[in-house]
Amino acid sequence: MFLEVEPNPNVEKSFSMAYRETSPPREVFCIKYGAGEEEKPVQVTGWDSRTQSPCPAYACRIEESGDGIALLIYGGSGGIRMKPLEDESSWDVTSPGQWGETHLVYPIDCFVVYQDNIR
């Protein structure tokens, strides 16, 4: 899989990298996210840079060079967008309570809730 994100209103930086997938992707609803010591559950969506709108976010297992298996969380051409779990507002790049990332690479045993677990 080749992941490429260009700068857009969701994320200011670009990113491109090839990954070796070791599992099929699954659509993600929620992960734990945090900088520093405090992690909180957040909703996750993908972001389409062409339409400037949400799209599905996915997670799949990848081989991480030298570190073994990891979980890649990725979205659309504009990366992924997150907001607090309890936030019921619409996805919007101008919302101060939401933020974007190009992608995330987490340990395989991280907290993740998949869409097919809540349907």
C-alpha atoms as a PDB file:
ATOM      1  CA  MET A   1       0.000   0.000   0.000  1.00  0.00           C
ATOM      2  CA  PHE A   2       1.214   3.489  -0.808  1.00  0.00           C
ATOM      3  CA  LEU A   3      -0.100   6.217   1.497  1.00  0.00           C
ATOM      4  CA  GLU A   4       0.085   9.790   0.218  1.00  0.00           C
ATOM      5  CA  VAL A   5      -1.364  12.931   1.821  1.00  0.00           C
ATOM      6  CA  GLU A   6      -0.881  16.386   0.330  1.00  0.00           C
ATOM      7  CA  PRO A   7      -1.156  19.592   2.372  1.00  0.00           C
ATOM      8  CA  ASN A   8      -4.791  20.687   2.675  1.00  0.00           C
ATOM      9  CA  PRO A   9      -7.063  22.465   5.191  1.00  0.00           C
ATOM     10  CA  ASN A  10      -7.124  19.318   7.381  1.00  0.00           C
ATOM     11  CA  VAL A  11      -3.315  18.909   7.644  1.00  0.00           C
ATOM     12  CA  GLU A  12      -0.630  21.420   6.725  1.00  0.00           C
ATOM     13  CA  LYS A  13       2.095  18.887   5.988  1.00  0.00           C
ATOM     14  CA  SER A  14       2.497  16.268   3.296  1.00  0.00           C
ATOM     15  CA  PHE A  15       3.316  12.614   3.805  1.00  0.00           C
ATOM     16  CA  SER A  16       4.104   9.676   1.538  1.00  0.00           C
ATOM     17  CA  MET A  17       5.247   6.186   2.455  1.00  0.00           C
ATOM     18  CA  ALA A  18       4.911   2.616   1.235  1.00  0.00           C
ATOM     19  CA  TYR A  19       3.710   0.039   3.766  1.00  0.00           C
ATOM     20  CA  ARG A  20       3.443  -3.728   3.622  1.00  0.00           C
ATOM     21  CA  GLU A  21      -0.039  -4.675   4.796  1.00  0.00           C
ATOM     22  CA  THR A  22      -0.421  -7.927   6.738  1.00  0.00           C
ATOM     23  CA  SER A  23      -4.210  -7.764   7.206  1.00  0.00           C
ATOM     24  CA  PRO A  24      -7.181  -6.412   5.288  1.00  0.00           C
ATOM     25  CA  PRO A  25      -8.295  -2.898   6.269  1.00  0.00           C
ATOM     26  CA  ARG A  26     -11.246  -2.383   8.625  1.00  0.00           C
ATOM     27  CA  GLU A  27     -13.222   0.826   8.998  1.00  0.00           C
ATOM     28  CA  VAL A  28     -12.443   2.625  12.268  1.00  0.00           C
ATOM     29  CA  PHE A  29     -14.857   4.485  14.560  1.00  0.00           C
ATOM     30  CA  CYS A  30     -12.781   5.311  17.645  1.00  0.00           C
ATOM     31  CA  ILE A  31      -9.222   5.136  18.982  1.00  0.00           C
ATOM     32  CA  LYS A  32      -7.378   6.428  22.030  1.00  0.00           C
ATOM     33  CA  TYR A  33      -5.319   9.466  21.123  1.00  0.00           C
ATOM     34  CA  GLY A  34      -3.119  11.696  23.169  1.00  0.00           C
ATOM     35  CA  ALA A  35       0.083  13.545  23.406  1.00  0.00           C
ATOM     36  CA  GLY A  36       2.110  12.939  26.508  1.00  0.00           C
ATOM     37  CA  GLU A  37       0.721  10.739  29.248  1.00  0.00           C
ATOM     38  CA  GLU A  38      -3.013  11.306  28.859  1.00  0.00           C
ATOM     39  CA  GLU A  39      -4.856   9.367  26.174  1.00  0.00           C
ATOM     40  CA  LYS A  40      -8.551   9.912  25.502  1.00  0.00           C
ATOM     41  CA  PRO A  41     -11.004   8.118  23.212  1.00  0.00           C
ATOM     42  CA  VAL A  42     -11.679  10.078  20.027  1.00  0.00           C
ATOM     43  CA  GLN A  43     -13.845   9.587  16.958  1.00  0.00           C
ATOM     44  CA  VAL A  44     -11.900   9.186  13.721  1.00  0.00           C
ATOM     45  CA  THR A  45     -12.868   9.820  10.125  1.00  0.00           C
ATOM     46  CA  GLY A  46     -10.935  10.052   6.918  1.00  0.00           C
ATOM     47  CA  TRP A  47     -10.732  13.360   5.067  1.00  0.00           C
ATOM     48  CA  ASP A  48     -11.087  13.786   1.298  1.00  0.00           C
ATOM     49  CA  SER A  49      -8.966  16.754   0.169  1.00  0.00           C
ATOM     50  CA  ARG A  50     -10.772  17.075  -3.166  1.00  0.00           C
ATOM     51  CA  THR A  51     -14.301  17.402  -1.732  1.00  0.00           C
ATOM     52  CA  GLN A  52     -13.223  18.766   1.676  1.00  0.00           C
ATOM     53  CA  SER A  53     -15.518  16.298   3.358  1.00  0.00           C
ATOM     54  CA  PRO A  54     -15.328  13.212   5.579  1.00  0.00           C
ATOM     55  CA  CYS A  55     -14.725   9.745   4.182  1.00  0.00           C
ATOM     56  CA  PRO A  56     -14.027   6.416   5.914  1.00  0.00           C
ATOM     57  CA  ALA A  57     -10.929   5.931   8.066  1.00  0.00           C
ATOM     58  CA  TYR A  58      -9.317   2.494   8.151  1.00  0.00           C
ATOM     59  CA  ALA A  59      -6.864   0.464  10.179  1.00  0.00           C
ATOM     60  CA  CYS A  60      -4.753  -2.442   9.018  1.00  0.00           C
ATOM     61  CA  ARG A  61      -1.774  -4.313  10.319  1.00  0.00           C
ATOM     62  CA  ILE A  62       1.536  -3.453   8.715  1.00  0.00           C
ATOM     63  CA  GLU A  63       5.123  -4.592   8.997  1.00  0.00           C
ATOM     64  CA  GLU A  64       7.032  -1.758  10.642  1.00  0.00           C
ATOM     65  CA  SER A  65      10.722  -1.893   9.733  1.00  0.00           C
ATOM     66  CA  GLY A  66      12.592  -3.373  12.659  1.00  0.00           C
ATOM     67  CA  ASP A  67       9.672  -2.977  15.085  1.00  0.00           C
ATOM     68  CA  GLY A  68       7.535  -5.888  13.930  1.00  0.00           C
ATOM     69  CA  ILE A  69       3.790  -5.602  13.372  1.00  0.00           C
ATOM     70  CA  ALA A  70       2.002  -2.285  13.974  1.00  0.00           C
ATOM     71  CA  LEU A  71      -1.437  -0.821  13.268  1.00  0.00           C
ATOM     72  CA  LEU A  72      -1.687   1.818  10.533  1.00  0.00           C
ATOM     73  CA  ILE A  73      -4.657   4.192  10.860  1.00  0.00           C
ATOM     74  CA  TYR A  74      -5.299   6.152   7.680  1.00  0.00           C
ATOM     75  CA  GLY A  75      -8.033   7.972   5.817  1.00  0.00           C
ATOM     76  CA  GLY A  76      -8.502   9.744   2.531  1.00  0.00           C
ATOM     77  CA  SER A  77      -6.321  11.981   0.407  1.00  0.00           C
ATOM     78  CA  GLY A  78      -6.510  14.617   3.165  1.00  0.00           C
ATOM     79  CA  GLY A  79      -5.475  12.331   6.033  1.00  0.00           C
ATOM     80  CA  ILE A  80      -7.607  11.606   9.093  1.00  0.00           C
ATOM     81  CA  ARG A  81      -9.647  13.913  11.313  1.00  0.00           C
ATOM     82  CA  MET A  82     -10.411  13.433  15.004  1.00  0.00           C
ATOM     83  CA  LYS A  83     -12.695  14.878  17.672  1.00  0.00           C
ATOM     84  CA  PRO A  84     -13.588  13.959  21.260  1.00  0.00           C
ATOM     85  CA  LEU A  85     -15.805  10.893  21.559  1.00  0.00           C
ATOM     86  CA  GLU A  86     -18.667  12.878  23.104  1.00  0.00           C
ATOM     87  CA  ASP A  87     -18.597  15.578  20.368  1.00  0.00           C
ATOM     88  CA  GLU A  88     -21.751  15.222  18.260  1.00  0.00           C
ATOM     89  CA  SER A  89     -21.020  18.168  15.939  1.00  0.00           C
ATOM     90  CA  SER A  90     -20.497  17.701  12.201  1.00  0.00           C
ATOM     91  CA  TRP A  91     -17.007  17.107  10.856  1.00  0.00           C
ATOM     92  CA  ASP A  92     -15.553  20.495   9.934  1.00  0.00           C
ATOM     93  CA  VAL A  93     -11.955  21.641   9.376  1.00  0.00           C
ATOM     94  CA  THR A  94     -12.790  25.009  10.955  1.00  0.00           C
ATOM     95  CA  SER A  95     -13.997  23.471  14.230  1.00  0.00           C
ATOM     96  CA  PRO A  96     -11.570  24.324  17.079  1.00  0.00           C
ATOM     97  CA  GLY A  97     -12.391  21.048  18.875  1.00  0.00           C
ATOM     98  CA  GLN A  98     -11.292  18.888  15.941  1.00  0.00           C
ATOM     99  CA  TRP A  99      -7.838  18.237  14.488  1.00  0.00           C
ATOM    100  CA  GLY A 100      -6.165  16.398  11.644  1.00  0.00           C
ATOM    101  CA  GLU A 101      -3.201  14.088  11.145  1.00  0.00           C
ATOM    102  CA  THR A 102      -1.733  12.573   8.005  1.00  0.00           C
ATOM    103  CA  HIS A 103      -1.977   9.071   9.568  1.00  0.00           C
ATOM    104  CA  LEU A 104      -1.109   7.254  12.797  1.00  0.00           C
ATOM    105  CA  VAL A 105       1.001   4.170  13.507  1.00  0.00           C
ATOM    106  CA  TYR A 106       0.078   2.508  16.803  1.00  0.00           C
ATOM    107  CA  PRO A 107       1.132  -0.636  18.669  1.00  0.00           C
ATOM    108  CA  ILE A 108      -0.856  -3.663  17.559  1.00  0.00           C
ATOM    109  CA  ASP A 109      -2.543  -3.995  20.971  1.00  0.00           C
ATOM    110  CA  CYS A 110      -3.833  -0.392  21.054  1.00  0.00           C
ATOM    111  CA  PHE A 111      -7.434   0.540  21.843  1.00  0.00           C
ATOM    112  CA  VAL A 112      -9.504   0.681  18.653  1.00  0.00           C
ATOM    113  CA  VAL A 113     -13.239   0.319  17.978  1.00  0.00           C
ATOM    114  CA  TYR A 114     -14.163  -0.731  14.461  1.00  0.00           C
ATOM    115  CA  GLN A 115     -17.367   0.297  12.694  1.00  0.00           C
ATOM    116  CA  ASP A 116     -18.416  -3.344  12.279  1.00  0.00           C
ATOM    117  CA  ASN A 117     -18.323  -3.740  16.085  1.00  0.00           C
ATOM    118  CA  ILE A 118     -20.984  -1.063  16.619  1.00  0.00           C
ATOM    119  CA  ARG A 119     -23.401  -1.744  13.762  1.00  0.00           C
END
